[in-house]
Amino acid sequence: MALILITYDLKETTKDIHNEVKDTMKSDYKYSDKSPTKKHQLPNTCLLKDSITPQQAVEDLKASVKKHNGTLERFLSCECSNYLINDLT
């Protein structure tokens, strides 16, 4: 298990659903929208979580989207433990 980055798009939704899905991922599943190198926010629909698999991140996302009656359009879930995350400030 490793540090996982998941990013996603929701299909034909409102800003409220985007916020609700992100908030659910953060509160219910303990994802973060902060960079691990500095305390800056990641792009809007990017979240990180340590000690899981990419498959588990997808399952968490699907459950969060379903909880808010959203429709997932696309996603990317990958290990990012060995990648540099550059905070441009």
PDB file of N, CA and C in Angstrom:
ATOM      1  N   MET A   1       0.837  -1.175   0.000  1.00  0.00           N
ATOM      2  CA  MET A   1       0.000   0.000   0.000  1.00  0.00           C
ATOM      3  C   MET A   1       0.886   1.243   0.000  1.00  0.00           C
ATOM      4  N   ALA A   2       0.335   2.328  -0.561  1.00  0.00           N
ATOM      5  CA  ALA A   2       1.156   3.504  -0.796  1.00  0.00           C
ATOM      6  C   ALA A   2       0.321   4.771  -0.755  1.00  0.00           C
ATOM      7  N   LEU A   3       0.976   5.895  -1.016  1.00  0.00           N
ATOM      8  CA  LEU A   3       0.277   7.166  -1.148  1.00  0.00           C
ATOM      9  C   LEU A   3      -0.446   7.167  -2.493  1.00  0.00           C
ATOM     10  N   ILE A   4      -1.752   7.375  -2.455  1.00  0.00           N
ATOM     11  CA  ILE A   4      -2.576   7.306  -3.662  1.00  0.00           C
ATOM     12  C   ILE A   4      -3.153   8.681  -3.970  1.00  0.00           C
ATOM     13  N   LEU A   5      -3.066   9.047  -5.236  1.00  0.00           N
ATOM     14  CA  LEU A   5      -3.693  10.253  -5.760  1.00  0.00           C
ATOM     15  C   LEU A   5      -4.903   9.816  -6.560  1.00  0.00           C
ATOM     16  N   ILE A   6      -6.049  10.416  -6.281  1.00  0.00           N
ATOM     17  CA  ILE A   6      -7.227  10.172  -7.107  1.00  0.00           C
ATOM     18  C   ILE A   6      -7.763  11.512  -7.567  1.00  0.00           C
ATOM     19  N   THR A   7      -8.107  11.577  -8.832  1.00  0.00           N
ATOM     20  CA  THR A   7      -8.717  12.764  -9.412  1.00  0.00           C
ATOM     21  C   THR A   7      -9.892  12.300 -10.253  1.00  0.00           C
ATOM     22  N   TYR A   8     -10.898  13.154 -10.396  1.00  0.00           N
ATOM     23  CA  TYR A   8     -12.138  12.697 -11.021  1.00  0.00           C
ATOM     24  C   TYR A   8     -12.921  13.852 -11.619  1.00  0.00           C
ATOM     25  N   ASP A   9     -13.848  13.506 -12.502  1.00  0.00           N
ATOM     26  CA  ASP A   9     -14.831  14.439 -13.043  1.00  0.00           C
ATOM     27  C   ASP A   9     -16.203  13.829 -12.832  1.00  0.00           C
ATOM     28  N   LEU A  10     -17.145  14.673 -12.476  1.00  0.00           N
ATOM     29  CA  LEU A  10     -18.529  14.249 -12.357  1.00  0.00           C
ATOM     30  C   LEU A  10     -19.288  14.740 -13.578  1.00  0.00           C
ATOM     31  N   LYS A  11     -20.257  13.967 -13.993  1.00  0.00           N
ATOM     32  CA  LYS A  11     -21.003  14.274 -15.203  1.00  0.00           C
ATOM     33  C   LYS A  11     -22.223  15.135 -14.881  1.00  0.00           C
ATOM     34  N   GLU A  12     -22.366  16.222 -15.623  1.00  0.00           N
ATOM     35  CA  GLU A  12     -23.554  17.075 -15.568  1.00  0.00           C
ATOM     36  C   GLU A  12     -24.050  17.298 -14.144  1.00  0.00           C
ATOM     37  N   THR A  13     -23.228  17.964 -13.361  1.00  0.00           N
ATOM     38  CA  THR A  13     -23.599  18.164 -11.970  1.00  0.00           C
ATOM     39  C   THR A  13     -23.523  19.631 -11.592  1.00  0.00           C
ATOM     40  N   THR A  14     -23.932  19.892 -10.394  1.00  0.00           N
ATOM     41  CA  THR A  14     -23.838  21.241  -9.847  1.00  0.00           C
ATOM     42  C   THR A  14     -22.578  21.347  -9.000  1.00  0.00           C
ATOM     43  N   LYS A  15     -22.209  22.552  -8.683  1.00  0.00           N
ATOM     44  CA  LYS A  15     -21.054  22.768  -7.813  1.00  0.00           C
ATOM     45  C   LYS A  15     -21.301  22.156  -6.445  1.00  0.00           C
ATOM     46  N   ASP A  16     -22.551  22.160  -6.006  1.00  0.00           N
ATOM     47  CA  ASP A  16     -22.885  21.582  -4.708  1.00  0.00           C
ATOM     48  C   ASP A  16     -22.514  20.101  -4.636  1.00  0.00           C
ATOM     49  N   ILE A  17     -22.800  19.347  -5.685  1.00  0.00           N
ATOM     50  CA  ILE A  17     -22.481  17.915  -5.672  1.00  0.00           C
ATOM     51  C   ILE A  17     -20.968  17.718  -5.653  1.00  0.00           C
ATOM     52  N   HIS A  18     -20.245  18.520  -6.409  1.00  0.00           N
ATOM     53  CA  HIS A  18     -18.774  18.440  -6.361  1.00  0.00           C
ATOM     54  C   HIS A  18     -18.276  18.647  -4.938  1.00  0.00           C
ATOM     55  N   ASN A  19     -18.789  19.663  -4.278  1.00  0.00           N
ATOM     56  CA  ASN A  19     -18.374  19.943  -2.899  1.00  0.00           C
ATOM     57  C   ASN A  19     -18.781  18.824  -1.954  1.00  0.00           C
ATOM     58  N   GLU A  20     -19.984  18.292  -2.126  1.00  0.00           N
ATOM     59  CA  GLU A  20     -20.475  17.225  -1.253  1.00  0.00           C
ATOM     60  C   GLU A  20     -19.636  15.954  -1.409  1.00  0.00           C
ATOM     61  N   VAL A  21     -19.303  15.599  -2.646  1.00  0.00           N
ATOM     62  CA  VAL A  21     -18.483  14.400  -2.883  1.00  0.00           C
ATOM     63  C   VAL A  21     -17.104  14.591  -2.258  1.00  0.00           C
ATOM     64  N   LYS A  22     -16.501  15.734  -2.493  1.00  0.00           N
ATOM     65  CA  LYS A  22     -15.175  16.005  -1.932  1.00  0.00           C
ATOM     66  C   LYS A  22     -15.219  15.996  -0.408  1.00  0.00           C
ATOM     67  N   ASP A  23     -16.227  16.630   0.167  1.00  0.00           N
ATOM     68  CA  ASP A  23     -16.356  16.651   1.624  1.00  0.00           C
ATOM     69  C   ASP A  23     -16.548  15.249   2.189  1.00  0.00           C
ATOM     70  N   THR A  24     -17.300  14.403   1.505  1.00  0.00           N
ATOM     71  CA  THR A  24     -17.501  13.016   1.943  1.00  0.00           C
ATOM     72  C   THR A  24     -16.196  12.237   1.879  1.00  0.00           C
ATOM     73  N   MET A  25     -15.446  12.421   0.810  1.00  0.00           N
ATOM     74  CA  MET A  25     -14.157  11.733   0.697  1.00  0.00           C
ATOM     75  C   MET A  25     -13.238  12.156   1.846  1.00  0.00           C
ATOM     76  N   LYS A  26     -13.277  13.429   2.216  1.00  0.00           N
ATOM     77  CA  LYS A  26     -12.414  13.927   3.287  1.00  0.00           C
ATOM     78  C   LYS A  26     -12.908  13.487   4.665  1.00  0.00           C
ATOM     79  N   SER A  27     -14.201  13.569   4.906  1.00  0.00           N
ATOM     80  CA  SER A  27     -14.702  13.275   6.254  1.00  0.00           C
ATOM     81  C   SER A  27     -14.918  11.778   6.493  1.00  0.00           C
ATOM     82  N   ASP A  28     -15.554  11.101   5.557  1.00  0.00           N
ATOM     83  CA  ASP A  28     -15.888   9.681   5.757  1.00  0.00           C
ATOM     84  C   ASP A  28     -14.709   8.755   5.492  1.00  0.00           C
ATOM     85  N   TYR A  29     -13.869   9.123   4.524  1.00  0.00           N
ATOM     86  CA  TYR A  29     -12.778   8.231   4.103  1.00  0.00           C
ATOM     87  C   TYR A  29     -11.387   8.773   4.407  1.00  0.00           C
ATOM     88  N   LYS A  30     -11.314   9.960   4.982  1.00  0.00           N
ATOM     89  CA  LYS A  30     -10.056  10.551   5.452  1.00  0.00           C
ATOM     90  C   LYS A  30      -9.042  10.873   4.348  1.00  0.00           C
ATOM     91  N   TYR A  31      -9.537  11.349   3.197  1.00  0.00           N
ATOM     92  CA  TYR A  31      -8.655  11.829   2.136  1.00  0.00           C
ATOM     93  C   TYR A  31      -8.258  13.264   2.452  1.00  0.00           C
ATOM     94  N   SER A  32      -7.191  13.728   1.824  1.00  0.00           N
ATOM     95  CA  SER A  32      -6.712  15.081   2.033  1.00  0.00           C
ATOM     96  C   SER A  32      -6.644  15.824   0.703  1.00  0.00           C
ATOM     97  N   ASP A  33      -6.902  17.118   0.749  1.00  0.00           N
ATOM     98  CA  ASP A  33      -6.716  17.953  -0.437  1.00  0.00           C
ATOM     99  C   ASP A  33      -5.510  18.862  -0.274  1.00  0.00           C
ATOM    100  N   LYS A  34      -4.637  18.502   0.634  1.00  0.00           N
ATOM    101  CA  LYS A  34      -3.403  19.254   0.879  1.00  0.00           C
ATOM    102  C   LYS A  34      -2.200  18.478   0.342  1.00  0.00           C
ATOM    103  N   SER A  35      -1.256  19.192  -0.187  1.00  0.00           N
ATOM    104  CA  SER A  35      -0.006  18.595  -0.630  1.00  0.00           C
ATOM    105  C   SER A  35       0.770  18.099   0.582  1.00  0.00           C
ATOM    106  N   PRO A  36       1.434  16.952   0.481  1.00  0.00           N
ATOM    107  CA  PRO A  36       2.212  16.467   1.617  1.00  0.00           C
ATOM    108  C   PRO A  36       3.512  17.243   1.850  1.00  0.00           C
ATOM    109  N   THR A  37       3.974  17.972   0.850  1.00  0.00           N
ATOM    110  CA  THR A  37       5.237  18.686   0.986  1.00  0.00           C
ATOM    111  C   THR A  37       5.064  20.049   1.637  1.00  0.00           C
ATOM    112  N   LYS A  38       3.985  20.706   1.349  1.00  0.00           N
ATOM    113  CA  LYS A  38       3.617  21.980   1.964  1.00  0.00           C
ATOM    114  C   LYS A  38       2.120  21.928   2.189  1.00  0.00           C
ATOM    115  N   LYS A  39       1.604  22.840   2.918  1.00  0.00           N
ATOM    116  CA  LYS A  39       0.173  22.814   3.220  1.00  0.00           C
ATOM    117  C   LYS A  39      -0.627  23.665   2.238  1.00  0.00           C
ATOM    118  N   HIS A  40      -0.472  23.371   0.963  1.00  0.00           N
ATOM    119  CA  HIS A  40      -1.245  24.033  -0.072  1.00  0.00           C
ATOM    120  C   HIS A  40      -2.294  23.067  -0.585  1.00  0.00           C
ATOM    121  N   GLN A  41      -3.383  23.610  -1.080  1.00  0.00           N
ATOM    122  CA  GLN A  41      -4.417  22.753  -1.625  1.00  0.00           C
ATOM    123  C   GLN A  41      -4.011  22.211  -2.986  1.00  0.00           C
ATOM    124  N   LEU A  42      -4.432  20.989  -3.241  1.00  0.00           N
ATOM    125  CA  LEU A  42      -4.268  20.381  -4.563  1.00  0.00           C
ATOM    126  C   LEU A  42      -5.348  20.940  -5.482  1.00  0.00           C
ATOM    127  N   PRO A  43      -5.241  20.700  -6.791  1.00  0.00           N
ATOM    128  CA  PRO A  43      -6.328  21.106  -7.692  1.00  0.00           C
ATOM    129  C   PRO A  43      -7.672  20.548  -7.207  1.00  0.00           C
ATOM    130  N   ASN A  44      -8.742  21.199  -7.583  1.00  0.00           N
ATOM    131  CA  ASN A  44     -10.074  20.991  -7.009  1.00  0.00           C
ATOM    132  C   ASN A  44     -10.500  19.538  -6.806  1.00  0.00           C
ATOM    133  N   THR A  45     -10.380  18.690  -7.786  1.00  0.00           N
ATOM    134  CA  THR A  45     -10.872  17.311  -7.630  1.00  0.00           C
ATOM    135  C   THR A  45      -9.734  16.307  -7.486  1.00  0.00           C
ATOM    136  N   CYS A  46      -8.643  16.723  -6.896  1.00  0.00           N
ATOM    137  CA  CYS A  46      -7.519  15.826  -6.588  1.00  0.00           C
ATOM    138  C   CYS A  46      -7.472  15.601  -5.085  1.00  0.00           C
ATOM    139  N   LEU A  47      -7.351  14.356  -4.692  1.00  0.00           N
ATOM    140  CA  LEU A  47      -7.279  14.005  -3.280  1.00  0.00           C
ATOM    141  C   LEU A  47      -6.189  12.965  -3.067  1.00  0.00           C
ATOM    142  N   LEU A  48      -5.624  12.961  -1.874  1.00  0.00           N
ATOM    143  CA  LEU A  48      -4.567  12.017  -1.511  1.00  0.00           C
ATOM    144  C   LEU A  48      -4.971  11.213  -0.286  1.00  0.00           C
ATOM    145  N   LYS A  49      -4.490   9.973  -0.249  1.00  0.00           N
ATOM    146  CA  LYS A  49      -4.639   9.158   0.953  1.00  0.00           C
ATOM    147  C   LYS A  49      -3.501   8.156   0.988  1.00  0.00           C
ATOM    148  N   ASP A  50      -2.963   7.961   2.179  1.00  0.00           N
ATOM    149  CA  ASP A  50      -1.842   7.047   2.365  1.00  0.00           C
ATOM    150  C   ASP A  50      -2.349   5.685   2.829  1.00  0.00           C
ATOM    151  N   SER A  51      -1.569   4.667   2.529  1.00  0.00           N
ATOM    152  CA  SER A  51      -1.787   3.301   3.015  1.00  0.00           C
ATOM    153  C   SER A  51      -3.052   2.645   2.483  1.00  0.00           C
ATOM    154  N   ILE A  52      -3.359   2.907   1.217  1.00  0.00           N
ATOM    155  CA  ILE A  52      -4.451   2.209   0.541  1.00  0.00           C
ATOM    156  C   ILE A  52      -3.967   1.810  -0.847  1.00  0.00           C
ATOM    157  N   THR A  53      -4.821   1.146  -1.589  1.00  0.00           N
ATOM    158  CA  THR A  53      -4.519   0.778  -2.973  1.00  0.00           C
ATOM    159  C   THR A  53      -5.301   1.704  -3.911  1.00  0.00           C
ATOM    160  N   PRO A  54      -4.878   1.799  -5.168  1.00  0.00           N
ATOM    161  CA  PRO A  54      -5.657   2.577  -6.129  1.00  0.00           C
ATOM    162  C   PRO A  54      -7.087   2.041  -6.267  1.00  0.00           C
ATOM    163  N   GLN A  55      -7.250   0.733  -6.186  1.00  0.00           N
ATOM    164  CA  GLN A  55      -8.572   0.129  -6.299  1.00  0.00           C
ATOM    165  C   GLN A  55      -9.483   0.559  -5.143  1.00  0.00           C
ATOM    166  N   GLN A  56      -8.925   0.634  -3.931  1.00  0.00           N
ATOM    167  CA  GLN A  56      -9.728   1.063  -2.784  1.00  0.00           C
ATOM    168  C   GLN A  56     -10.132   2.522  -2.930  1.00  0.00           C
ATOM    169  N   ALA A  57      -9.241   3.351  -3.466  1.00  0.00           N
ATOM    170  CA  ALA A  57      -9.579   4.759  -3.688  1.00  0.00           C
ATOM    171  C   ALA A  57     -10.758   4.888  -4.652  1.00  0.00           C
ATOM    172  N   VAL A  58     -10.769   4.063  -5.687  1.00  0.00           N
ATOM    173  CA  VAL A  58     -11.875   4.084  -6.659  1.00  0.00           C
ATOM    174  C   VAL A  58     -13.176   3.662  -5.980  1.00  0.00           C
ATOM    175  N   GLU A  59     -13.123   2.630  -5.161  1.00  0.00           N
ATOM    176  CA  GLU A  59     -14.325   2.173  -4.454  1.00  0.00           C
ATOM    177  C   GLU A  59     -14.840   3.261  -3.504  1.00  0.00           C
ATOM    178  N   ASP A  60     -13.936   3.946  -2.817  1.00  0.00           N
ATOM    179  CA  ASP A  60     -14.336   5.052  -1.939  1.00  0.00           C
ATOM    180  C   ASP A  60     -15.002   6.165  -2.743  1.00  0.00           C
ATOM    181  N   LEU A  61     -14.416   6.498  -3.880  1.00  0.00           N
ATOM    182  CA  LEU A  61     -14.978   7.543  -4.738  1.00  0.00           C
ATOM    183  C   LEU A  61     -16.359   7.151  -5.240  1.00  0.00           C
ATOM    184  N   LYS A  62     -16.501   5.928  -5.735  1.00  0.00           N
ATOM    185  CA  LYS A  62     -17.806   5.474  -6.240  1.00  0.00           C
ATOM    186  C   LYS A  62     -18.869   5.538  -5.148  1.00  0.00           C
ATOM    187  N   ALA A  63     -18.516   5.151  -3.932  1.00  0.00           N
ATOM    188  CA  ALA A  63     -19.477   5.201  -2.824  1.00  0.00           C
ATOM    189  C   ALA A  63     -19.856   6.645  -2.493  1.00  0.00           C
ATOM    190  N   SER A  64     -18.887   7.545  -2.535  1.00  0.00           N
ATOM    191  CA  SER A  64     -19.157   8.958  -2.252  1.00  0.00           C
ATOM    192  C   SER A  64     -20.052   9.578  -3.311  1.00  0.00           C
ATOM    193  N   VAL A  65     -19.787   9.271  -4.567  1.00  0.00           N
ATOM    194  CA  VAL A  65     -20.606   9.797  -5.665  1.00  0.00           C
ATOM    195  C   VAL A  65     -22.028   9.251  -5.565  1.00  0.00           C
ATOM    196  N   LYS A  66     -22.147   7.971  -5.281  1.00  0.00           N
ATOM    197  CA  LYS A  66     -23.469   7.345  -5.158  1.00  0.00           C
ATOM    198  C   LYS A  66     -24.255   7.958  -3.999  1.00  0.00           C
ATOM    199  N   LYS A  67     -23.591   8.225  -2.899  1.00  0.00           N
ATOM    200  CA  LYS A  67     -24.234   8.812  -1.720  1.00  0.00           C
ATOM    201  C   LYS A  67     -24.926  10.129  -2.054  1.00  0.00           C
ATOM    202  N   HIS A  68     -24.372  10.874  -3.021  1.00  0.00           N
ATOM    203  CA  HIS A  68     -24.914  12.180  -3.380  1.00  0.00           C
ATOM    204  C   HIS A  68     -25.639  12.175  -4.723  1.00  0.00           C
ATOM    205  N   ASN A  69     -25.967  10.975  -5.203  1.00  0.00           N
ATOM    206  CA  ASN A  69     -26.728  10.806  -6.451  1.00  0.00           C
ATOM    207  C   ASN A  69     -26.047  11.476  -7.637  1.00  0.00           C
ATOM    208  N   GLY A  70     -24.725  11.444  -7.644  1.00  0.00           N
ATOM    209  CA  GLY A  70     -23.961  11.993  -8.755  1.00  0.00           C
ATOM    210  C   GLY A  70     -23.663  10.922  -9.781  1.00  0.00           C
ATOM    211  N   THR A  71     -23.057  11.327 -10.871  1.00  0.00           N
ATOM    212  CA  THR A  71     -22.640  10.399 -11.924  1.00  0.00           C
ATOM    213  C   THR A  71     -21.166  10.641 -12.208  1.00  0.00           C
ATOM    214  N   LEU A  72     -20.390   9.612 -12.017  1.00  0.00           N
ATOM    215  CA  LEU A  72     -18.956   9.683 -12.263  1.00  0.00           C
ATOM    216  C   LEU A  72     -18.699   9.602 -13.759  1.00  0.00           C
ATOM    217  N   GLU A  73     -17.978  10.578 -14.287  1.00  0.00           N
ATOM    218  CA  GLU A  73     -17.676  10.593 -15.721  1.00  0.00           C
ATOM    219  C   GLU A  73     -16.338   9.905 -16.008  1.00  0.00           C
ATOM    220  N   ARG A  74     -15.318  10.247 -15.223  1.00  0.00           N
ATOM    221  CA  ARG A  74     -13.998   9.637 -15.398  1.00  0.00           C
ATOM    222  C   ARG A  74     -13.190   9.842 -14.127  1.00  0.00           C
ATOM    223  N   PHE A  75     -12.147   9.040 -13.991  1.00  0.00           N
ATOM    224  CA  PHE A  75     -11.279   9.160 -12.822  1.00  0.00           C
ATOM    225  C   PHE A  75      -9.908   8.603 -13.157  1.00  0.00           C
ATOM    226  N   LEU A  76      -8.955   8.982 -12.334  1.00  0.00           N
ATOM    227  CA  LEU A  76      -7.603   8.439 -12.381  1.00  0.00           C
ATOM    228  C   LEU A  76      -7.183   8.202 -10.946  1.00  0.00           C
ATOM    229  N   SER A  77      -6.745   6.990 -10.666  1.00  0.00           N
ATOM    230  CA  SER A  77      -6.282   6.631  -9.337  1.00  0.00           C
ATOM    231  C   SER A  77      -4.926   5.959  -9.499  1.00  0.00           C
ATOM    232  N   CYS A  78      -3.889   6.528  -8.864  1.00  0.00           N
ATOM    233  CA  CYS A  78      -2.555   5.968  -9.055  1.00  0.00           C
ATOM    234  C   CYS A  78      -1.681   6.204  -7.830  1.00  0.00           C
ATOM    235  N   GLU A  79      -0.662   5.379  -7.725  1.00  0.00           N
ATOM    236  CA  GLU A  79       0.323   5.545  -6.667  1.00  0.00           C
ATOM    237  C   GLU A  79       1.193   6.746  -6.998  1.00  0.00           C
ATOM    238  N   CYS A  80       1.444   7.563  -6.004  1.00  0.00           N
ATOM    239  CA  CYS A  80       2.295   8.734  -6.259  1.00  0.00           C
ATOM    240  C   CYS A  80       3.395   8.863  -5.217  1.00  0.00           C
ATOM    241  N   SER A  81       3.702   7.799  -4.532  1.00  0.00           N
ATOM    242  CA  SER A  81       4.725   7.833  -3.479  1.00  0.00           C
ATOM    243  C   SER A  81       6.091   8.228  -3.987  1.00  0.00           C
ATOM    244  N   ASN A  82       6.414   7.850  -5.203  1.00  0.00           N
ATOM    245  CA  ASN A  82       7.748   8.104  -5.744  1.00  0.00           C
ATOM    246  C   ASN A  82       7.812   9.335  -6.640  1.00  0.00           C
ATOM    247  N   TYR A  83       6.759  10.123  -6.667  1.00  0.00           N
ATOM    248  CA  TYR A  83       6.721  11.285  -7.522  1.00  0.00           C
ATOM    249  C   TYR A  83       6.890  12.542  -6.688  1.00  0.00           C
ATOM    250  N   LEU A  84       7.548  13.506  -7.264  1.00  0.00           N
ATOM    251  CA  LEU A  84       7.717  14.799  -6.631  1.00  0.00           C
ATOM    252  C   LEU A  84       6.443  15.609  -6.832  1.00  0.00           C
ATOM    253  N   ILE A  85       5.913  16.143  -5.772  1.00  0.00           N
ATOM    254  CA  ILE A  85       4.765  17.032  -5.871  1.00  0.00           C
ATOM    255  C   ILE A  85       5.289  18.440  -5.687  1.00  0.00           C
ATOM    256  N   ASN A  86       5.197  19.233  -6.745  1.00  0.00           N
ATOM    257  CA  ASN A  86       5.790  20.559  -6.752  1.00  0.00           C
ATOM    258  C   ASN A  86       4.739  21.596  -6.394  1.00  0.00           C
ATOM    259  N   ASP A  87       4.971  22.279  -5.307  1.00  0.00           N
ATOM    260  CA  ASP A  87       4.098  23.376  -4.894  1.00  0.00           C
ATOM    261  C   ASP A  87       4.648  24.670  -5.468  1.00  0.00           C
ATOM    262  N   LEU A  88       3.997  25.186  -6.479  1.00  0.00           N
ATOM    263  CA  LEU A  88       4.454  26.419  -7.108  1.00  0.00           C
ATOM    264  C   LEU A  88       3.881  27.594  -6.336  1.00  0.00           C
ATOM    265  N   THR A  89       4.749  28.291  -5.641  1.00  0.00           N
ATOM    266  CA  THR A  89       4.283  29.442  -4.855  1.00  0.00           C
ATOM    267  C   THR A  89       5.139  30.646  -5.151  1.00  0.00           C
TER     268      THR A  89
END
